[in-house]
Protein backbone atom coordinates (compact mmCIF):
# COMPACT_ATOMS: atom_id res chain seq x y z
CA MET A 1 3.57 -21.12 9.03
CA THR A 2 0.35 -18.74 7.46
CA ARG A 3 -2.98 -18.00 8.32
CA ASP A 4 -5.79 -19.86 6.58
CA ILE A 5 -7.70 -17.01 4.90
CA SER A 6 -9.96 -19.20 2.74
CA ARG A 7 -12.88 -18.81 5.14
CA GLU A 8 -12.18 -15.09 5.60
CA ILE A 9 -14.13 -12.19 4.23
CA TRP A 10 -11.62 -9.16 3.66
CA ALA A 11 -12.72 -5.96 2.43
CA ILE A 12 -11.25 -3.45 0.22
CA THR A 13 -11.21 0.55 0.54
CA GLY A 14 -10.39 1.92 -2.97
CA ALA A 15 -11.60 -1.12 -4.54
CA SER A 16 -11.90 0.91 -7.92
CA GLY A 17 -8.34 1.99 -8.65
CA ARG A 18 -5.68 0.20 -10.35
CA ILE A 19 -4.31 -1.71 -7.30
CA GLY A 20 -7.64 -2.52 -6.26
CA THR A 21 -9.28 -4.02 -9.84
CA THR A 22 -5.69 -6.08 -9.68
CA LEU A 23 -5.99 -7.33 -6.21
CA ARG A 24 -9.79 -8.14 -6.60
CA GLU A 25 -9.07 -10.90 -9.25
CA GLY A 26 -6.29 -12.07 -7.41
CA LEU A 27 -7.54 -12.46 -3.94
CA LEU A 28 -11.37 -13.32 -5.07
CA PRO A 29 -10.28 -17.36 -5.50
CA LEU A 30 -8.41 -17.18 -2.13
CA VAL A 31 -11.02 -16.17 0.45
CA ALA A 32 -14.75 -16.64 1.05
CA GLY A 33 -15.76 -13.08 -0.16
CA LEU A 34 -14.40 -9.64 -0.81
CA ILE A 35 -15.72 -6.37 0.19
CA LEU A 36 -15.01 -3.56 -2.50
CA ILE A 37 -15.62 -0.11 -0.53
CA ASP A 38 -15.22 2.87 -2.70
CA THR A 39 -16.78 6.02 -3.61
CA VAL A 40 -17.23 4.71 -6.95
CA GLU A 41 -19.20 1.22 -7.56
CA PRO A 42 -16.23 -1.45 -8.76
CA ALA A 43 -17.40 -2.91 -12.37
CA ASP A 44 -18.31 -6.23 -13.26
CA LEU A 45 -18.73 -7.66 -10.05
CA LYS A 46 -18.01 -11.66 -9.56
CA LEU A 47 -19.79 -14.29 -7.40
CA GLY A 48 -18.18 -13.41 -4.08
CA GLU A 49 -18.05 -10.13 -4.42
CA ARG A 50 -19.90 -7.14 -2.86
CA ALA A 51 -19.77 -3.12 -3.38
CA VAL A 52 -20.47 -0.84 -0.88
CA ILE A 53 -20.37 2.96 -1.77
CA ALA A 54 -18.45 4.44 1.67
CA ASP A 55 -16.07 7.81 1.72
CA LEU A 56 -13.39 7.96 4.73
CA ALA A 57 -14.64 11.33 5.32
CA ASP A 58 -17.34 8.98 7.32
CA PRO A 59 -16.39 6.64 9.86
CA HIS A 60 -19.90 5.70 10.65
CA GLU A 61 -20.44 4.41 6.63
CA LEU A 62 -17.01 2.76 6.97
CA ARG A 63 -17.70 0.97 10.08
CA HIS A 64 -21.09 -0.34 8.29
CA ALA A 65 -19.23 -1.94 5.63
CA LEU A 66 -16.69 -3.87 7.69
CA GLN A 67 -18.98 -5.35 9.55
CA GLY A 68 -18.62 -9.18 9.66
CA THR A 69 -15.16 -9.25 7.63
CA ASP A 70 -12.21 -10.30 9.24
CA GLY A 71 -9.82 -8.27 7.46
CA VAL A 72 -9.32 -4.70 5.75
CA ILE A 73 -6.45 -3.87 2.93
CA HIS A 74 -6.70 0.17 2.73
CA LEU A 75 -5.67 1.30 -0.45
CA ALA A 76 -8.20 4.34 -0.63
CA ALA A 77 -5.86 7.64 -0.62
CA ILE A 78 -4.71 10.26 -2.70
CA PRO A 79 -2.20 8.86 -4.57
CA ASP A 80 0.54 11.47 -5.80
CA GLU A 81 1.56 15.02 -4.48
CA ALA A 82 -0.93 17.36 -3.67
CA ASP A 83 -1.60 20.41 -1.21
CA PHE A 84 -0.97 19.17 2.00
CA ASN A 85 -4.51 20.37 3.28
CA ASP A 86 -6.49 17.52 0.97
CA LEU A 87 -3.55 14.88 1.76
CA VAL A 88 -3.87 15.42 5.55
CA SER A 89 -8.38 15.08 4.85
CA VAL A 90 -7.89 12.12 3.08
CA ASN A 91 -4.57 10.25 3.92
CA VAL A 92 -4.25 11.23 7.47
CA ILE A 93 -7.54 11.93 8.67
CA GLY A 94 -9.27 9.11 6.54
CA THR A 95 -7.07 6.42 7.74
CA TRP A 96 -7.54 7.33 11.31
CA HIS A 97 -11.30 6.66 10.51
CA LEU A 98 -10.82 3.73 8.68
CA LEU A 99 -8.86 2.45 11.67
CA GLU A 100 -11.78 3.52 14.19
CA ALA A 101 -13.88 1.78 12.06
CA ALA A 102 -12.02 -1.20 12.27
CA ARG A 103 -11.53 -0.98 15.80
CA THR A 104 -15.46 -0.64 16.59
CA ALA A 105 -16.44 -3.41 14.24
CA GLN A 106 -13.68 -5.48 15.67
CA VAL A 107 -12.12 -6.17 12.78
CA SER A 108 -8.54 -5.76 14.20
CA ARG A 109 -6.38 -7.49 10.92
CA VAL A 110 -5.19 -4.07 8.68
CA VAL A 111 -2.67 -4.17 5.56
CA TYR A 112 -1.85 -0.66 4.76
CA ALA A 113 -0.80 0.23 1.25
CA SER A 114 2.13 2.79 1.87
CA THR A 115 4.52 3.77 -0.77
CA GLY A 116 7.97 3.51 -1.12
CA ARG A 117 8.35 7.07 -1.72
CA THR A 118 8.96 7.22 2.54
CA LEU A 119 12.53 6.58 1.65
CA GLY A 120 12.67 8.59 -1.67
CA MET A 121 15.56 11.08 -0.58
CA TYR A 122 17.98 8.10 -0.01
CA ASP A 123 20.59 8.73 -2.68
CA ALA A 124 20.11 6.57 -6.25
CA GLY A 125 22.18 3.06 -5.97
CA ASP A 126 21.72 3.29 -2.05
CA THR A 127 20.32 0.32 -0.65
CA VAL A 128 17.14 0.93 1.48
CA SER A 129 15.53 -1.96 4.11
CA SER A 130 12.27 -2.25 6.01
CA ASP A 131 14.29 -0.78 9.27
CA SER A 132 15.98 2.50 7.25
CA PRO A 133 14.98 5.73 8.67
CA VAL A 134 11.85 7.30 6.56
CA ARG A 135 13.38 10.12 4.39
CA PRO A 136 10.27 11.41 2.44
CA ASP A 137 10.42 12.91 -1.15
CA GLY A 138 7.19 14.81 -0.25
CA LEU A 139 4.16 15.65 1.59
CA TYR A 140 2.54 12.55 -0.27
CA ALA A 141 4.89 10.44 1.67
CA VAL A 142 4.77 12.47 4.93
CA SER A 143 1.00 11.68 4.75
CA LYS A 144 2.10 7.85 4.33
CA VAL A 145 4.45 7.78 7.18
CA ALA A 146 1.63 9.21 9.34
CA GLY A 147 -0.57 6.29 8.04
CA GLU A 148 2.25 3.85 9.07
CA ALA A 149 2.68 5.40 12.21
CA LEU A 150 -1.53 5.59 12.79
CA CYS A 151 -1.14 1.63 12.20
CA GLN A 152 1.26 1.29 14.81
CA LEU A 153 -0.37 3.07 17.36
CA TYR A 154 -3.44 0.48 16.71
CA VAL A 155 -1.20 -2.31 17.17
CA ASP A 156 0.47 -0.99 19.99
CA LYS A 157 -2.67 0.16 22.30
CA PHE A 158 -5.82 -1.45 20.72
CA GLY A 159 -4.51 -5.15 19.99
CA PHE A 160 -4.20 -4.68 16.07
CA THR A 161 -2.00 -6.43 13.54
CA ALA A 162 -1.40 -4.47 10.65
CA THR A 163 1.12 -4.49 7.54
CA CYS A 164 2.40 -1.50 5.90
CA LEU A 165 3.25 -2.34 2.58
CA ARG A 166 5.62 0.06 0.87
CA ILE A 167 4.74 -0.02 -2.83
CA GLY A 168 6.88 0.49 -5.45
CA ALA A 169 6.57 1.92 -8.83
CA PHE A 170 3.13 -0.14 -9.80
CA LYS A 171 2.93 -0.67 -13.79
CA SER A 172 1.96 -3.24 -15.93
CA GLN A 173 5.37 -2.45 -17.59
CA PRO A 174 8.65 -1.05 -16.66
CA VAL A 175 8.62 1.94 -18.80
CA GLU A 176 11.53 4.08 -17.68
CA ALA A 177 15.19 3.45 -16.65
CA ARG A 178 14.11 4.19 -12.33
CA ASP A 179 11.83 1.22 -12.96
CA LEU A 180 14.50 -0.94 -13.21
CA SER A 181 15.13 -0.42 -9.38
CA VAL A 182 12.05 0.33 -8.24
CA TRP A 183 9.30 -1.76 -10.29
CA LEU A 184 6.30 -3.54 -8.67
CA SER A 185 4.78 -5.76 -11.29
CA PRO A 186 0.71 -6.83 -11.14
CA ALA A 187 1.53 -10.51 -10.14
CA ASP A 188 4.00 -9.53 -7.72
CA ALA A 189 1.57 -7.10 -6.27
CA VAL A 190 -1.07 -9.83 -5.25
CA ARG A 191 2.17 -11.62 -4.08
CA ALA A 192 2.94 -8.98 -1.51
CA PHE A 193 -0.71 -8.57 -0.73
CA ILE A 194 -1.39 -12.29 0.05
CA ALA A 195 2.06 -12.33 2.15
CA ALA A 196 0.90 -9.47 4.42
CA MET A 197 -3.10 -10.82 4.80
CA THR A 198 -1.31 -14.61 5.60
CA ARG A 199 1.74 -13.37 7.42
CA ASP A 200 1.85 -15.19 11.03
CA GLY A 201 1.97 -12.68 13.74
CA ASP A 202 0.07 -10.25 15.85
CA ASP A 203 2.13 -7.31 15.44
CA PHE A 204 2.81 -4.50 13.16
CA ALA A 205 5.26 -5.12 10.22
CA VAL A 206 6.61 -2.94 7.31
CA LEU A 207 7.12 -4.65 3.71
CA LEU A 208 8.87 -3.44 0.98
CA ALA A 209 6.88 -4.03 -2.06
CA TYR A 210 8.94 -4.13 -5.25
CA SER A 211 9.80 -6.86 -7.43
CA ASN A 212 12.68 -8.94 -8.18
CA ASN A 213 14.57 -6.38 -9.73
CA ALA A 214 18.11 -7.63 -10.99
CA HIS A 215 19.15 -3.67 -10.25
CA SER A 216 16.75 -3.16 -6.96
CA TRP A 217 17.31 -0.40 -4.33
CA ALA A 218 15.99 -2.59 -1.75
CA ASP A 219 16.99 -5.29 0.48
CA LEU A 220 13.95 -7.42 0.41
CA SER A 221 14.94 -10.29 2.94
CA SER A 222 12.58 -8.57 6.08
CA GLY A 223 10.01 -9.27 3.27
CA HIS A 224 11.41 -12.85 2.29
CA ALA A 225 10.71 -13.41 6.49
CA LEU A 226 7.25 -12.25 6.12
CA GLY A 227 6.25 -14.32 3.09
CA TYR A 228 7.08 -12.30 0.08
CA PHE A 229 9.20 -13.68 -2.47
CA PRO A 230 8.56 -11.75 -5.91
CA GLU A 231 9.33 -13.44 -9.24
CA ASP A 232 9.51 -10.40 -11.88
CA ASP A 233 12.44 -8.23 -12.84
CA ALA A 234 11.97 -5.09 -14.58
CA SER A 235 15.47 -5.97 -16.26
CA ALA A 236 13.86 -9.15 -18.26
CA LEU A 237 11.04 -6.28 -19.79
CA PHE A 238 13.14 -3.31 -20.15
CA HIS A 239 16.49 -2.40 -21.41
CA THR A 240 18.52 1.00 -20.77
CA GLU A 241 21.09 1.71 -18.18
CA PRO A 242 19.78 1.82 -14.61
CA VAL A 243 19.98 4.95 -12.99
CA ALA A 244 23.26 5.43 -11.00
CA VAL A 245 22.88 9.24 -9.76
CA GLY A 246 20.76 11.59 -7.66
CA LYS A 247 17.55 10.58 -5.29
CA GLN A 248 15.84 7.87 -5.29
CA ALA A 249 13.05 9.71 -6.05
CA GLY A 250 14.16 11.17 -9.53
CA VAL A 251 12.09 14.39 -10.27
CA MET A 252 9.66 13.70 -7.37
CA ALA A 253 12.52 15.02 -4.94
CA GLU A 254 13.04 18.62 -6.64
CA PRO A 255 11.31 21.28 -4.68
CA ALA A 256 8.99 22.38 -7.55
CA PHE A 257 7.26 19.08 -7.24
CA THR A 258 5.84 19.69 -3.89
CA LEU A 259 5.59 23.58 -3.92
CA ASP A 260 3.84 23.82 -7.48
CA ARG A 261 0.81 21.46 -5.66
CA GLN A 262 0.26 23.26 -2.82
CA ARG A 263 -2.57 26.42 -2.44
CA PRO A 264 -1.44 29.80 -1.14
CA PHE A 265 -1.47 31.15 1.95
């Protein structure tokens, strides 16, 4: 049994980004309305969409934006490795601001965009699941682990329902060997978020958001239990040998990938 969201209004933070733009098109026909929250107004507003300019640094703006909504998809973030001070400010404190804004606006359903890179230091070829202990590949992934922990806290302490999507390599097409294992197609991204929005349950859950890749490193069975059934396969579109050695994160597992992005003390 799944929730009926056809009469619900959902907010999307980071709505002007790549995933946000994809979700707008996929979700709008399924809900009563979308509140698009970003620091840049989304282009080409459709009937049923309303844009709100708000920053994660300002919980009062966020609370105002969330008034009257039934749930929020939290995409807004620094989306890659960066200086840790910036990552904490935006991805950790900003997520806390979003959750506090939701709590005070009485919005208790949250879908949090995490990353598959929380598991990036497993060896290539190791099968990971939503129950695998986190092994972040860098400080960006650490910030997402912290965001997941905040979601867990708000479930346990404040009665939220939170689903954390550990998103794979979101691309229109697979373009490198690693994508054979970790690709997430735009259509499957929409399916993953719909599953998170409509899942039956008032608790905390982690969903691995990867496509149905023949060479996947991810066990997607827990996602099936939450209603996520991906359909696309990277190997049908990109023909090369899959990655067999190294870390799942690839070059992102190298020390320089993190150290070169930190401001000196």
